[in-house]
Protein backbone atom coordinates (compact mmCIF):
# COMPACT_ATOMS: atom_id res chain seq x y z
CA MET A 1 27.97 10.22 12.24
CA GLY A 2 29.38 11.97 14.81
CA LEU A 3 28.53 11.82 18.60
CA LYS A 4 25.82 13.55 20.72
CA VAL A 5 27.07 15.20 23.44
CA LEU A 6 24.36 16.06 26.68
CA ILE A 7 25.57 19.13 28.76
CA VAL A 8 24.20 19.17 31.84
CA ASP A 9 25.03 22.45 34.10
CA ASP A 10 23.08 24.35 35.48
CA ASP A 11 25.45 27.50 34.50
CA PHE A 12 24.82 29.44 30.91
CA ILE A 13 28.06 30.70 30.66
CA ASN A 14 29.88 27.35 31.56
CA ARG A 15 27.20 25.49 29.15
CA THR A 16 28.56 28.40 26.61
CA LEU A 17 32.12 27.82 27.28
CA LEU A 18 32.07 23.92 26.52
CA LYS A 19 30.11 24.10 23.24
CA SER A 20 32.92 26.37 22.37
CA VAL A 21 35.18 23.65 23.14
CA LEU A 22 32.66 20.97 21.74
CA LYS A 23 33.51 22.32 17.99
CA LYS A 24 36.99 21.83 18.51
CA ASN A 25 35.99 18.27 18.45
CA SER A 26 35.44 16.62 14.70
CA SER A 27 33.99 13.75 16.51
CA VAL A 28 31.05 16.14 18.11
CA SER A 29 28.19 16.28 15.86
CA GLU A 30 25.15 17.61 17.80
CA MET A 31 25.06 19.14 21.53
CA ILE A 32 22.09 19.09 23.68
CA GLU A 33 21.72 21.04 26.77
CA ALA A 34 20.61 20.33 30.91
CA GLU A 35 19.88 22.47 32.75
CA ASN A 36 19.66 20.31 36.15
CA GLY A 37 19.73 16.72 36.54
CA GLN A 38 16.48 16.02 36.37
CA ASP A 39 16.81 17.83 32.40
CA ALA A 40 18.69 15.50 32.32
CA LEU A 41 17.02 12.50 32.61
CA ASP A 42 13.66 14.00 30.97
CA LYS A 43 16.14 14.54 28.00
CA VAL A 44 18.38 11.08 27.68
CA THR A 45 14.79 9.72 28.38
CA ALA A 46 13.66 10.89 25.74
CA ASP A 47 16.66 10.68 23.04
CA THR A 48 17.43 6.87 22.62
CA THR A 49 20.71 8.10 20.53
CA ILE A 50 22.42 10.53 23.13
CA ASP A 51 26.39 8.67 22.86
CA ILE A 52 27.67 10.22 26.00
CA ILE A 53 27.11 12.90 28.43
CA LEU A 54 29.32 15.16 30.53
CA LEU A 55 27.29 16.45 33.81
CA ASP A 56 27.88 19.21 36.92
CA ILE A 57 27.75 18.09 39.95
CA ILE A 58 26.55 20.89 41.97
CA MET A 59 22.87 22.19 40.04
CA PRO A 60 19.59 22.92 41.57
CA ILE A 61 16.98 20.27 41.48
CA LEU A 62 18.34 17.37 40.82
CA ASP A 63 22.44 17.22 41.00
CA GLY A 64 25.03 15.57 39.55
CA VAL A 65 25.34 13.08 42.40
CA GLU A 66 20.89 12.09 42.47
CA PHE A 67 21.61 12.15 38.71
CA LEU A 68 23.65 9.43 38.99
CA LYS A 69 21.89 7.47 41.49
CA ILE A 70 18.83 7.23 39.50
CA PHE A 71 20.33 6.89 35.33
CA ARG A 72 22.56 4.14 36.82
CA THR A 73 19.90 2.22 37.41
CA ASP A 74 18.16 1.96 34.67
CA SER A 75 19.21 -0.54 32.50
CA ARG A 76 18.33 1.02 29.26
CA PHE A 77 21.69 3.84 29.90
CA ASP A 78 23.86 1.29 30.85
CA HIS A 79 25.99 1.95 27.20
CA ILE A 80 26.29 6.16 28.18
CA PRO A 81 29.04 7.03 29.86
CA VAL A 82 29.35 9.77 31.68
CA ILE A 83 31.44 12.27 32.40
CA VAL A 84 31.81 14.45 35.41
CA LEU A 85 33.16 18.16 35.27
CA SER A 86 33.30 19.75 38.85
CA THR A 87 35.54 22.27 40.20
CA ASP A 88 35.29 19.62 43.40
CA ASP A 89 38.17 17.34 43.86
CA THR A 90 36.51 15.68 46.91
CA ARG A 91 33.15 14.52 45.47
CA LYS A 92 35.72 12.12 42.73
CA GLY A 93 35.10 9.65 44.63
CA GLU A 94 31.67 9.24 45.38
CA VAL A 95 30.08 9.64 41.98
CA MET A 96 32.71 7.48 40.43
CA ASP A 97 31.43 4.80 42.92
CA LEU A 98 27.25 5.83 42.04
CA GLY A 99 28.45 5.21 38.51
CA ALA A 100 30.69 8.58 36.55
CA ASN A 101 33.18 6.32 34.24
CA ASP A 102 35.24 9.78 34.44
CA PHE A 103 36.40 12.80 36.13
CA HIS A 104 37.57 15.41 34.90
CA ARG A 105 38.27 19.50 36.58
CA LYS A 106 37.38 22.10 35.72
CA PRO A 107 37.97 24.31 34.31
CA ILE A 108 38.41 22.26 31.41
CA LYS A 109 41.69 21.47 29.91
CA GLU A 110 40.45 20.91 25.83
CA GLU A 111 43.21 18.23 24.96
CA VAL A 112 42.25 16.04 28.07
CA LEU A 113 38.72 15.93 27.36
CA PHE A 114 38.53 15.53 24.34
CA LYS A 115 41.11 11.90 24.98
CA LYS A 116 38.92 11.27 28.13
CA ILE A 117 35.52 11.68 24.89
CA ASP A 118 37.79 9.26 22.64
CA GLN A 119 38.49 6.82 25.88
CA TRP A 120 34.77 6.30 26.44
CA THR A 121 33.48 6.46 23.31
CA VAL A 122 35.24 4.04 20.48
């Protein structure tokens, strides 16, 4: 059985592009989309089989930083790695301190993202 990936980004085009990239990865079997951090919290709470989260930082309602603050205080989610995807390198240290497992600068480089996914889901 393949990986279930939660894609968290407020931009529909970014989510669509990321899904098209992930479809090329044979280890990914399912993709779930969330439009903001609150939507992501709701989905990961409802679906305990999510294997990895790809998280944007800048979003309305609940941004990636606030998502991590809440997400990482819940021990039910300790096993789920979070890779932050962002154009904003200046927040890398902040998200890593809050419990992100990795950081990948947008635009997405397919081969780099796949290596990061493999590293955190083996």
